[in-house]
Amino acid sequence: MNRSVNRRQFLKRTAGLAGAMAAMPYIVPASVFGQNPPSERITIGFIGTGKQSQHLQRSFMGASGTQVVAGADVDKLKLARSEKMANDHYAKSKADGKWSGFTSYGDFTELLARKDIDAVVIATPDHWHGLNAVYAARAGKDIFCEKPLGHNITESLAMLRETRRYNRVFQTGSMQRSDYRFRFACELVRNGYIGDITHVVVNVGGPPIDCDLPAETTPDYLDWPGWVGPAPMRPFHSELSPHISRDIFPNWRRYKDYGGGGMTDWGAHHFDIAQWGLGMDGDGPVEVIPPDGKDIKALTYRYASGITMTREGSYPGHGNVNGVLFVGSKGKVEVNRGYLKTWPDELKDQKLGPNEVHLYDSRNHYTDWLDAIKTRSKPICDVEIGCSTVIVCLIGNIAYELKRPLKWNPKTNQFVDDAEANRLRSRTMRSPWRI
């Protein structure tokens, strides 16, 4: 198969579709179809069928009113596993115990070209997210994209721009927003129960490193150039794309060509909660300062309000931080998965009044997206939220790389008077890929 030709054909088709979609109304009422409206079933295709995708696929197959009908991956074994999961699941509801409605693709653009697919779930490595999501938006698909939103700032902003341009419903997979502990912790902060916020501590891993893994023999089931995609070409190594039999998460996120280290891995969760609690969705800090081994002990962000935020494992007088710690003039709130602690202790039992700030209440991150598709509304972790969160992570990584303080303008999404730092906002994609 000539992938370059297929991609050019796909881009040409989606360019024509894009113009038509931009002129279409956002919602088509069922009444226009007379007495026989189309099914309300949401058909879903998966782009990326690795380890994280298994959990996502089970969740969406188990949701009412959905059907997973296709998958795309460059790894034939992972793709076959996804196909079997779908066929086994849906066969249970068939009288003859058989179902084979799942179609597998080695090229995600072929999946996107199917007009009968309403939405896609993107669970590829981070360096693919921007391309997958932008092409999906142009093809008219609603999108659930695993966190972190994008590999770099420019591609993350492109995901936001194209989602809005084509009126797509986009859920970022920062699923802690759909956990009541995180929501309640942020509500306590937003309603002033710990006073004026002075500092936030986010306990996540550090920045990525250059990839120096030795070459290994490429397995015959893997399209390695397809895995590398827009990143610089390098030899295969199993740490980047482990065999299906190794029940582990791959380590590609450690390396800067493919991910952002712990800063964008857990950072896409915990910095997201910090931003939510500070009321900074769609916004961000104005300065980031890397540790210097002297006065600055940890990566430090400053907001225009004067609030500071550090990425470190402890806080003076507090000890090791469990997840995210909000420090206020009258108390503290610490939150993580399955964990919530407050100072004073009774705050954890506080009941909010009807006139206080109540944040978006989602009980399930996946069905929240499906409901938003049906109502054509923004889900709890809309693309703009995912974009502003990952930018916080990424400007921290750039500060680590340059080893100097950086001024940031969250309105223009550029570093202030700093050409060197601004060059690191994007990357050159390997041909034939482009956005």
Foldseek 3Di string as FASTA:
>chain_A
DPVQVVVVVLVVVLVVVLVVLLPDDLDDDQPVVPPDGDQQAAEEEEEDQADVNVVVLVVQLPDPRYAHQEYEAQFQVSRVVSQVVRQQSVLVVDPVSGDRRYYYYPDVSVVLQDPPHAAYEYDAFQQCQLVNQLSNLSSNHAYEYEPLRHLFQVSLVSSVVSCVSSLHAYFYNLCCLQPVQLQLLLLCLQQQVQHAWAEKEFAWDDWAAADDDDADDDDPRGPQCVSLFFFDDDHDDCLQPPDRVPNDDRDVQNHSSGHTTRLGVCLLRQLLSVCSSVVAQLFDFFKWAADDVPPRHFIWTAHPVNHIYGHDQQDVPGGGADGMWTHHPRWIWGDDVVDIAIVVRCSVVDDDDPPGDRADHHNGSVVQSVVCSVVSHHGRCTSSSSSRSVLNSNLSNLCVVVNGMWGAGSVVGATDPDPVSRVRSDDGTDPPDDD
